[in-house]
């Protein structure tokens, strides 16, 4: 009888431990997704020929003047 209680107690503790550690992993994934989304939103694009000078766009596409694909602007600032 005593052995049964020990086995049940150990099983419950292991189950609780697994449950608690699996919940912690989901929070870390959500933080990574937010960071990736913020980086994507902050990207700027411009024409490689600079047809419109230093004008930038928030989305990829084609230059309205020369119809070339817009290229991502590399920023010199680091966080």
PDB file of N, CA and C in Angstrom:
ATOM      1  N   UNK A   1       0.819  -1.196   0.000  1.00  0.00           N
ATOM      2  CA  UNK A   1       0.000   0.000   0.000  1.00  0.00           C
ATOM      3  C   UNK A   1       0.863   1.259   0.000  1.00  0.00           C
ATOM      4  N   UNK A   2       1.910   1.244   0.802  1.00  0.00           N
ATOM      5  CA  UNK A   2       2.811   2.396   0.890  1.00  0.00           C
ATOM      6  C   UNK A   2       3.536   2.603  -0.448  1.00  0.00           C
ATOM      7  N   UNK A   3       3.886   1.530  -1.087  1.00  0.00           N
ATOM      8  CA  UNK A   3       4.593   1.589  -2.368  1.00  0.00           C
ATOM      9  C   UNK A   3       3.710   2.210  -3.453  1.00  0.00           C
ATOM     10  N   UNK A   4       2.405   1.887  -3.425  1.00  0.00           N
ATOM     11  CA  UNK A   4       1.461   2.442  -4.393  1.00  0.00           C
ATOM     12  C   UNK A   4       1.380   3.958  -4.260  1.00  0.00           C
ATOM     13  N   UNK A   5       1.333   4.474  -3.056  1.00  0.00           N
ATOM     14  CA  UNK A   5       1.264   5.910  -2.823  1.00  0.00           C
ATOM     15  C   UNK A   5       2.523   6.603  -3.328  1.00  0.00           C
ATOM     16  N   UNK A   6       3.668   5.959  -3.133  1.00  0.00           N
ATOM     17  CA  UNK A   6       4.930   6.545  -3.606  1.00  0.00           C
ATOM     18  C   UNK A   6       4.955   6.614  -5.130  1.00  0.00           C
ATOM     19  N   UNK A   7       4.491   5.572  -5.784  1.00  0.00           N
ATOM     20  CA  UNK A   7       4.471   5.541  -7.249  1.00  0.00           C
ATOM     21  C   UNK A   7       3.515   6.612  -7.785  1.00  0.00           C
ATOM     22  N   UNK A   8       2.351   6.739  -7.168  1.00  0.00           N
ATOM     23  CA  UNK A   8       1.376   7.748  -7.595  1.00  0.00           C
ATOM     24  C   UNK A   8       1.950   9.148  -7.379  1.00  0.00           C
ATOM     25  N   UNK A   9       2.589   9.382  -6.242  1.00  0.00           N
ATOM     26  CA  UNK A   9       3.177  10.684  -5.940  1.00  0.00           C
ATOM     27  C   UNK A   9       4.271  11.030  -6.941  1.00  0.00           C
ATOM     28  N   UNK A  10       5.141  10.098  -7.239  1.00  0.00           N
ATOM     29  CA  UNK A  10       6.235  10.321  -8.201  1.00  0.00           C
ATOM     30  C   UNK A  10       5.665  10.600  -9.596  1.00  0.00           C
ATOM     31  N   UNK A  11       4.651   9.852  -9.994  1.00  0.00           N
ATOM     32  CA  UNK A  11       4.026  10.048 -11.302  1.00  0.00           C
ATOM     33  C   UNK A  11       3.402  11.440 -11.399  1.00  0.00           C
ATOM     34  N   UNK A  12       2.703  11.848 -10.362  1.00  0.00           N
ATOM     35  CA  UNK A  12       2.096  13.177 -10.368  1.00  0.00           C
ATOM     36  C   UNK A  12       3.152  14.279 -10.417  1.00  0.00           C
ATOM     37  N   UNK A  13       4.237  14.127  -9.678  1.00  0.00           N
ATOM     38  CA  UNK A  13       5.310  15.121  -9.692  1.00  0.00           C
ATOM     39  C   UNK A  13       5.965  15.216 -11.065  1.00  0.00           C
ATOM     40  N   UNK A  14       6.210  14.081 -11.695  1.00  0.00           N
ATOM     41  CA  UNK A  14       6.797  14.085 -13.040  1.00  0.00           C
ATOM     42  C   UNK A  14       5.858  14.743 -14.050  1.00  0.00           C
ATOM     43  N   UNK A  15       4.574  14.435 -13.954  1.00  0.00           N
ATOM     44  CA  UNK A  15       3.590  15.024 -14.856  1.00  0.00           C
ATOM     45  C   UNK A  15       3.538  16.546 -14.669  1.00  0.00           C
ATOM     46  N   UNK A  16       3.527  16.986 -13.424  1.00  0.00           N
ATOM     47  CA  UNK A  16       3.508  18.412 -13.128  1.00  0.00           C
ATOM     48  C   UNK A  16       4.769  19.105 -13.649  1.00  0.00           C
ATOM     49  N   UNK A  17       5.903  18.479 -13.476  1.00  0.00           N
ATOM     50  CA  UNK A  17       7.168  19.045 -13.951  1.00  0.00           C
ATOM     51  C   UNK A  17       7.169  19.181 -15.469  1.00  0.00           C
ATOM     52  N   UNK A  18       6.727  18.159 -16.168  1.00  0.00           N
ATOM     53  CA  UNK A  18       6.675  18.202 -17.635  1.00  0.00           C
ATOM     54  C   UNK A  18       5.709  19.290 -18.100  1.00  0.00           C
ATOM     55  N   UNK A  19       4.574  19.397 -17.435  1.00  0.00           N
ATOM     56  CA  UNK A  19       3.587  20.413 -17.797  1.00  0.00           C
ATOM     57  C   UNK A  19       4.152  21.818 -17.610  1.00  0.00           C
ATOM     58  N   UNK A  20       4.807  22.058 -16.496  1.00  0.00           N
ATOM     59  CA  UNK A  20       5.348  23.388 -16.208  1.00  0.00           C
ATOM     60  C   UNK A  20       6.460  23.769 -17.195  1.00  0.00           C
ATOM     61  N   UNK A  21       7.328  22.846 -17.549  1.00  0.00           N
ATOM     62  CA  UNK A  21       8.417  23.176 -18.473  1.00  0.00           C
ATOM     63  C   UNK A  21       7.896  23.374 -19.896  1.00  0.00           C
ATOM     64  N   UNK A  22       6.858  22.656 -20.279  1.00  0.00           N
ATOM     65  CA  UNK A  22       6.329  22.827 -21.638  1.00  0.00           C
ATOM     66  C   UNK A  22       5.635  24.177 -21.789  1.00  0.00           C
ATOM     67  N   UNK A  23       5.017  24.682 -20.768  1.00  0.00           N
ATOM     68  CA  UNK A  23       4.362  26.000 -20.827  1.00  0.00           C
ATOM     69  C   UNK A  23       5.391  27.116 -20.933  1.00  0.00           C
ATOM     70  N   UNK A  24       6.537  26.964 -20.327  1.00  0.00           N
ATOM     71  CA  UNK A  24       7.588  27.982 -20.382  1.00  0.00           C
ATOM     72  C   UNK A  24       8.145  28.139 -21.783  1.00  0.00           C
ATOM     73  N   UNK A  25       8.184  27.095 -22.565  1.00  0.00           N
ATOM     74  CA  UNK A  25       8.713  27.151 -23.917  1.00  0.00           C
ATOM     75  C   UNK A  25       7.845  27.965 -24.853  1.00  0.00           C
ATOM     76  N   UNK A  26       6.548  27.986 -24.649  1.00  0.00           N
ATOM     77  CA  UNK A  26       5.647  28.730 -25.523  1.00  0.00           C
ATOM     78  C   UNK A  26       5.867  30.231 -25.392  1.00  0.00           C
ATOM     79  N   UNK A  27       6.162  30.717 -24.208  1.00  0.00           N
ATOM     80  CA  UNK A  27       6.399  32.144 -24.014  1.00  0.00           C
ATOM     81  C   UNK A  27       7.628  32.605 -24.775  1.00  0.00           C
ATOM     82  N   UNK A  28       8.667  31.807 -24.805  1.00  0.00           N
ATOM     83  CA  UNK A  28       9.890  32.174 -25.525  1.00  0.00           C
ATOM     84  C   UNK A  28       9.618  32.272 -27.026  1.00  0.00           C
ATOM     85  N   UNK A  29       8.784  31.391 -27.571  1.00  0.00           N
ATOM     86  CA  UNK A  29       8.462  31.432 -28.991  1.00  0.00           C
ATOM     87  C   UNK A  29       7.690  32.700 -29.347  1.00  0.00           C
ATOM     88  N   UNK A  30       6.780  33.116 -28.489  1.00  0.00           N
ATOM     89  CA  UNK A  30       5.998  34.322 -28.760  1.00  0.00           C
ATOM     90  C   UNK A  30       6.884  35.556 -28.811  1.00  0.00           C
ATOM     91  N   UNK A  31       7.888  35.645 -27.963  1.00  0.00           N
ATOM     92  CA  UNK A  31       8.785  36.792 -27.966  1.00  0.00           C
ATOM     93  C   UNK A  31       9.568  36.846 -29.271  1.00  0.00           C
ATOM     94  N   UNK A  32      10.001  35.695 -29.764  1.00  0.00           N
ATOM     95  CA  UNK A  32      10.749  35.639 -31.015  1.00  0.00           C
ATOM     96  C   UNK A  32       9.870  36.091 -32.172  1.00  0.00           C
ATOM     97  N   UNK A  33       8.614  35.675 -32.199  1.00  0.00           N
ATOM     98  CA  UNK A  33       7.709  36.072 -33.269  1.00  0.00           C
ATOM     99  C   UNK A  33       7.498  37.577 -33.285  1.00  0.00           C
ATOM    100  N   UNK A  34       7.366  38.208 -32.114  1.00  0.00           N
ATOM    101  CA  UNK A  34       7.183  39.652 -32.054  1.00  0.00           C
ATOM    102  C   UNK A  34       8.394  40.374 -32.616  1.00  0.00           C
ATOM    103  N   UNK A  35       9.592  39.920 -32.250  1.00  0.00           N
ATOM    104  CA  UNK A  35      10.814  40.563 -32.716  1.00  0.00           C
ATOM    105  C   UNK A  35      10.923  40.454 -34.231  1.00  0.00           C
ATOM    106  N   UNK A  36      10.640  39.297 -34.779  1.00  0.00           N
ATOM    107  CA  UNK A  36      10.708  39.096 -36.225  1.00  0.00           C
ATOM    108  C   UNK A  36       9.688  39.990 -36.931  1.00  0.00           C
ATOM    109  N   UNK A  37       8.486  40.105 -36.383  1.00  0.00           N
ATOM    110  CA  UNK A  37       7.458  40.950 -36.985  1.00  0.00           C
ATOM    111  C   UNK A  37       7.883  42.407 -36.967  1.00  0.00           C
ATOM    112  N   UNK A  38       8.452  42.869 -35.847  1.00  0.00           N
ATOM    113  CA  UNK A  38       8.901  44.256 -35.756  1.00  0.00           C
ATOM    114  C   UNK A  38      10.000  44.540 -36.766  1.00  0.00           C
ATOM    115  N   UNK A  39      10.925  43.594 -36.954  1.00  0.00           N
ATOM    116  CA  UNK A  39      12.006  43.794 -37.907  1.00  0.00           C
ATOM    117  C   UNK A  39      11.449  43.866 -39.324  1.00  0.00           C
ATOM    118  N   UNK A  40      10.468  43.043 -39.645  1.00  0.00           N
ATOM    119  CA  UNK A  40       9.863  43.055 -40.976  1.00  0.00           C
ATOM    120  C   UNK A  40       9.135  44.369 -41.225  1.00  0.00           C
ATOM    121  N   UNK A  41       8.447  44.893 -40.205  1.00  0.00           N
ATOM    122  CA  UNK A  41       7.704  46.134 -40.358  1.00  0.00           C
ATOM    123  C   UNK A  41       8.627  47.331 -40.542  1.00  0.00           C
ATOM    124  N   UNK A  42       9.842  47.281 -40.013  1.00  0.00           N
ATOM    125  CA  UNK A  42      10.758  48.414 -40.074  1.00  0.00           C
ATOM    126  C   UNK A  42      11.625  48.415 -41.332  1.00  0.00           C
ATOM    127  N   UNK A  43      11.483  47.450 -42.210  1.00  0.00           N
ATOM    128  CA  UNK A  43      12.300  47.385 -43.412  1.00  0.00           C
ATOM    129  C   UNK A  43      11.854  48.446 -44.411  1.00  0.00           C
ATOM    130  N   UNK A  44      12.825  49.012 -45.093  1.00  0.00           N
ATOM    131  CA  UNK A  44      12.569  50.015 -46.124  1.00  0.00           C
ATOM    132  C   UNK A  44      13.158  49.524 -47.441  1.00  0.00           C
ATOM    133  N   UNK A  45      12.543  49.926 -48.539  1.00  0.00           N
ATOM    134  CA  UNK A  45      12.990  49.529 -49.880  1.00  0.00           C
ATOM    135  C   UNK A  45      13.121  50.768 -50.748  1.00  0.00           C
ATOM    136  N   UNK A  46      14.072  50.725 -51.695  1.00  0.00           N
ATOM    137  CA  UNK A  46      14.213  51.820 -52.643  1.00  0.00           C
ATOM    138  C   UNK A  46      14.766  51.294 -53.958  1.00  0.00           C
ATOM    139  N   UNK A  47      14.636  52.105 -54.989  1.00  0.00           N
ATOM    140  CA  UNK A  47      15.102  51.745 -56.318  1.00  0.00           C
ATOM    141  C   UNK A  47      16.632  51.711 -56.326  1.00  0.00           C
ATOM    142  N   UNK A  48      17.232  50.675 -56.913  1.00  0.00           N
ATOM    143  CA  UNK A  48      18.698  50.612 -56.980  1.00  0.00           C
ATOM    144  C   UNK A  48      19.283  51.701 -57.889  1.00  0.00           C
ATOM    145  N   UNK A  49      18.489  52.234 -58.821  1.00  0.00           N
ATOM    146  CA  UNK A  49      18.948  53.300 -59.705  1.00  0.00           C
ATOM    147  C   UNK A  49      18.718  54.681 -59.092  1.00  0.00           C
ATOM    148  N   UNK A  50      18.011  54.730 -57.966  1.00  0.00           N
ATOM    149  CA  UNK A  50      17.686  55.977 -57.257  1.00  0.00           C
ATOM    150  C   UNK A  50      16.984  56.975 -58.180  1.00  0.00           C
ATOM    151  N   UNK A  51      16.019  56.460 -58.945  1.00  0.00           N
ATOM    152  CA  UNK A  51      15.245  57.297 -59.860  1.00  0.00           C
ATOM    153  C   UNK A  51      14.536  58.432 -59.132  1.00  0.00           C
ATOM    154  N   UNK A  52      14.103  58.165 -57.917  1.00  0.00           N
ATOM    155  CA  UNK A  52      13.377  59.173 -57.146  1.00  0.00           C
ATOM    156  C   UNK A  52      14.232  59.704 -55.992  1.00  0.00           C
ATOM    157  N   UNK A  53      15.518  59.681 -56.170  1.00  0.00           N
ATOM    158  CA  UNK A  53      16.426  60.161 -55.131  1.00  0.00           C
ATOM    159  C   UNK A  53      16.498  59.174 -53.965  1.00  0.00           C
ATOM    160  N   UNK A  54      16.324  59.663 -52.774  1.00  0.00           N
ATOM    161  CA  UNK A  54      16.406  58.829 -51.574  1.00  0.00           C
ATOM    162  C   UNK A  54      15.040  58.351 -51.087  1.00  0.00           C
ATOM    163  N   UNK A  55      14.018  58.433 -51.913  1.00  0.00           N
ATOM    164  CA  UNK A  55      12.676  58.016 -51.518  1.00  0.00           C
ATOM    165  C   UNK A  55      12.665  56.523 -51.200  1.00  0.00           C
ATOM    166  N   UNK A  56      11.994  56.165 -50.079  1.00  0.00           N
ATOM    167  CA  UNK A  56      11.909  54.759 -49.681  1.00  0.00           C
ATOM    168  C   UNK A  56      10.449  54.332 -49.594  1.00  0.00           C
ATOM    169  N   UNK A  57      10.245  53.023 -49.651  1.00  0.00           N
ATOM    170  CA  UNK A  57       8.922  52.418 -49.568  1.00  0.00           C
ATOM    171  C   UNK A  57       8.912  51.405 -48.433  1.00  0.00           C
ATOM    172  N   UNK A  58       7.719  51.160 -47.878  1.00  0.00           N
ATOM    173  CA  UNK A  58       7.573  50.207 -46.779  1.00  0.00           C
ATOM    174  C   UNK A  58       7.451  48.771 -47.261  1.00  0.00           C
ATOM    175  N   UNK A  59       7.116  48.577 -48.514  1.00  0.00           N
ATOM    176  CA  UNK A  59       6.901  47.225 -49.045  1.00  0.00           C
ATOM    177  C   UNK A  59       7.738  46.998 -50.289  1.00  0.00           C
ATOM    178  N   UNK A  60       8.006  45.718 -50.561  1.00  0.00           N
ATOM    179  CA  UNK A  60       8.710  45.367 -51.793  1.00  0.00           C
ATOM    180  C   UNK A  60       7.795  45.652 -52.974  1.00  0.00           C
ATOM    181  N   UNK A  61       8.385  45.836 -54.105  1.00  0.00           N
ATOM    182  CA  UNK A  61       7.601  46.083 -55.311  1.00  0.00           C
ATOM    183  C   UNK A  61       8.499  46.535 -56.434  1.00  0.00           C
ATOM    184  N   UNK A  62       7.961  47.305 -57.347  1.00  0.00           N
ATOM    185  CA  UNK A  62       8.723  47.801 -58.487  1.00  0.00           C
ATOM    186  C   UNK A  62       8.767  49.320 -58.445  1.00  0.00           C
ATOM    187  N   UNK A  63       9.854  49.864 -58.948  1.00  0.00           N
ATOM    188  CA  UNK A  63      10.010  51.313 -59.035  1.00  0.00           C
ATOM    189  C   UNK A  63       8.976  51.842 -60.030  1.00  0.00           C
ATOM    190  N   UNK A  64       8.225  52.883 -59.666  1.00  0.00           N
ATOM    191  CA  UNK A  64       7.222  53.411 -60.589  1.00  0.00           C
ATOM    192  C   UNK A  64       7.835  54.120 -61.796  1.00  0.00           C
ATOM    193  N   UNK A  65       9.120  54.499 -61.733  1.00  0.00           N
ATOM    194  CA  UNK A  65       9.760  55.214 -62.832  1.00  0.00           C
ATOM    195  C   UNK A  65      10.406  54.236 -63.817  1.00  0.00           C
ATOM    196  N   UNK A  66      11.313  53.362 -63.330  1.00  0.00           N
ATOM    197  CA  UNK A  66      12.065  52.476 -64.236  1.00  0.00           C
ATOM    198  C   UNK A  66      11.588  51.023 -64.211  1.00  0.00           C
ATOM    199  N   UNK A  67      10.653  50.697 -63.331  1.00  0.00           N
ATOM    200  CA  UNK A  67      10.063  49.363 -63.237  1.00  0.00           C
ATOM    201  C   UNK A  67      11.032  48.284 -62.748  1.00  0.00           C
ATOM    202  N   UNK A  68      12.146  48.682 -62.111  1.00  0.00           N
ATOM    203  CA  UNK A  68      13.074  47.706 -61.521  1.00  0.00           C
ATOM    204  C   UNK A  68      12.560  47.283 -60.151  1.00  0.00           C
ATOM    205  N   UNK A  69      12.963  46.084 -59.706  1.00  0.00           N
ATOM    206  CA  UNK A  69      12.584  45.627 -58.374  1.00  0.00           C
ATOM    207  C   UNK A  69      13.241  46.508 -57.318  1.00  0.00           C
ATOM    208  N   UNK A  70      12.444  46.899 -56.313  1.00  0.00           N
ATOM    209  CA  UNK A  70      12.990  47.684 -55.214  1.00  0.00           C
ATOM    210  C   UNK A  70      13.889  46.789 -54.365  1.00  0.00           C
ATOM    211  N   UNK A  71      14.972  47.350 -53.856  1.00  0.00           N
ATOM    212  CA  UNK A  71      15.903  46.602 -53.006  1.00  0.00           C
ATOM    213  C   UNK A  71      15.823  47.101 -51.583  1.00  0.00           C
ATOM    214  N   UNK A  72      16.084  46.176 -50.651  1.00  0.00           N
ATOM    215  CA  UNK A  72      16.034  46.539 -49.238  1.00  0.00           C
ATOM    216  C   UNK A  72      17.164  47.496 -48.892  1.00  0.00           C
ATOM    217  N   UNK A  73      16.840  48.535 -48.141  1.00  0.00           N
ATOM    218  CA  UNK A  73      17.822  49.520 -47.707  1.00  0.00           C
ATOM    219  C   UNK A  73      18.510  48.962 -46.474  1.00  0.00           C
ATOM    220  N   UNK A  74      19.837  48.940 -46.508  1.00  0.00           N
ATOM    221  CA  UNK A  74      20.592  48.458 -45.352  1.00  0.00           C
ATOM    222  C   UNK A  74      20.853  49.630 -44.432  1.00  0.00           C
ATOM    223  N   UNK A  75      20.400  49.496 -43.186  1.00  0.00           N
ATOM    224  CA  UNK A  75      20.587  50.589 -42.236  1.00  0.00           C
ATOM    225  C   UNK A  75      21.913  50.424 -41.516  1.00  0.00           C
ATOM    226  N   UNK A  76      22.542  51.534 -41.151  1.00  0.00           N
ATOM    227  CA  UNK A  76      23.808  51.520 -40.437  1.00  0.00           C
ATOM    228  C   UNK A  76      23.634  51.522 -38.944  1.00  0.00           C
ATOM    229  N   UNK A  77      22.390  51.665 -38.471  1.00  0.00           N
ATOM    230  CA  UNK A  77      22.136  51.684 -37.032  1.00  0.00           C
ATOM    231  C   UNK A  77      21.986  50.273 -36.521  1.00  0.00           C
ATOM    232  N   UNK A  78      22.501  50.016 -35.340  1.00  0.00           N
ATOM    233  CA  UNK A  78      22.359  48.700 -34.720  1.00  0.00           C
ATOM    234  C   UNK A  78      21.738  48.862 -33.359  1.00  0.00           C
ATOM    235  N   UNK A  79      20.916  47.881 -32.980  1.00  0.00           N
ATOM    236  CA  UNK A  79      20.215  47.947 -31.687  1.00  0.00           C
ATOM    237  C   UNK A  79      20.960  47.188 -30.635  1.00  0.00           C
TER     238      UNK A  79
END
